[in-house]
Amino acid sequence: MKDTTILEKSITGNEEHISISRAEYDALKAENTELNQKLDYLMG
């Protein structure tokens, strides 16, 4: 399974690399999409 690297910047500006699996990335992306749809409905 291919790993995906996510780049995040902390408050101090230091860079931190976090590696997660493609499956975990896809699951988080799907959850994010679902939550955004719920938010759009509530704000709509």
C-alpha atoms as a PDB file:
ATOM      1  CA  MET A   1       0.000   0.000   0.000  1.00  0.00           C
ATOM      2  CA  LYS A   2       1.322   3.420  -0.948  1.00  0.00           C
ATOM      3  CA  ASP A   3       2.041   5.872   1.874  1.00  0.00           C
ATOM      4  CA  THR A   4       1.047   9.500   1.682  1.00  0.00           C
ATOM      5  CA  THR A   5       3.008  12.247   3.394  1.00  0.00           C
ATOM      6  CA  ILE A   6       1.105  15.158   4.867  1.00  0.00           C
ATOM      7  CA  LEU A   7       2.917  18.424   5.625  1.00  0.00           C
ATOM      8  CA  GLU A   8       1.753  20.522   8.561  1.00  0.00           C
ATOM      9  CA  LYS A   9       3.190  23.736   9.954  1.00  0.00           C
ATOM     10  CA  SER A  10       3.109  24.309  13.686  1.00  0.00           C
ATOM     11  CA  ILE A  11       2.546  27.669  15.357  1.00  0.00           C
ATOM     12  CA  THR A  12       6.296  28.271  15.589  1.00  0.00           C
ATOM     13  CA  GLY A  13       6.693  27.722  11.849  1.00  0.00           C
ATOM     14  CA  ASN A  14       8.658  24.487  12.225  1.00  0.00           C
ATOM     15  CA  GLU A  15       7.706  21.824   9.708  1.00  0.00           C
ATOM     16  CA  GLU A  16       6.482  18.421  10.803  1.00  0.00           C
ATOM     17  CA  HIS A  17       6.076  15.500   8.393  1.00  0.00           C
ATOM     18  CA  ILE A  18       3.437  12.903   9.162  1.00  0.00           C
ATOM     19  CA  SER A  19       3.096   9.734   7.096  1.00  0.00           C
ATOM     20  CA  ILE A  20      -0.277   7.997   6.915  1.00  0.00           C
ATOM     21  CA  SER A  21      -1.523   5.160   4.757  1.00  0.00           C
ATOM     22  CA  ARG A  22      -3.547   5.838   1.625  1.00  0.00           C
ATOM     23  CA  ALA A  23      -6.496   3.987   3.215  1.00  0.00           C
ATOM     24  CA  GLU A  24      -6.393   6.247   6.269  1.00  0.00           C
ATOM     25  CA  TYR A  25      -6.097   9.327   4.034  1.00  0.00           C
ATOM     26  CA  ASP A  26      -9.095   8.235   1.955  1.00  0.00           C
ATOM     27  CA  ALA A  27     -11.153   7.537   5.101  1.00  0.00           C
ATOM     28  CA  LEU A  28     -10.351  10.967   6.555  1.00  0.00           C
ATOM     29  CA  LYS A  29     -11.104  12.654   3.241  1.00  0.00           C
ATOM     30  CA  ALA A  30     -14.500  10.903   3.049  1.00  0.00           C
ATOM     31  CA  GLU A  31     -15.297  11.896   6.637  1.00  0.00           C
ATOM     32  CA  ASN A  32     -14.326  15.495   5.871  1.00  0.00           C
ATOM     33  CA  THR A  33     -16.621  15.538   2.832  1.00  0.00           C
ATOM     34  CA  GLU A  34     -19.508  14.144   4.887  1.00  0.00           C
ATOM     35  CA  LEU A  35     -19.008  16.722   7.648  1.00  0.00           C
ATOM     36  CA  ASN A  36     -18.825  19.551   5.118  1.00  0.00           C
ATOM     37  CA  GLN A  37     -22.124  18.397   3.590  1.00  0.00           C
ATOM     38  CA  LYS A  38     -23.753  18.394   7.039  1.00  0.00           C
ATOM     39  CA  LEU A  39     -22.346  21.853   7.734  1.00  0.00           C
ATOM     40  CA  ASP A  40     -23.654  23.172   4.415  1.00  0.00           C
ATOM     41  CA  TYR A  41     -27.099  21.766   5.265  1.00  0.00           C
ATOM     42  CA  LEU A  42     -27.105  23.364   8.721  1.00  0.00           C
ATOM     43  CA  MET A  43     -25.831  26.713   7.441  1.00  0.00           C
ATOM     44  CA  GLY A  44     -28.075  26.646   4.360  1.00  0.00           C
END
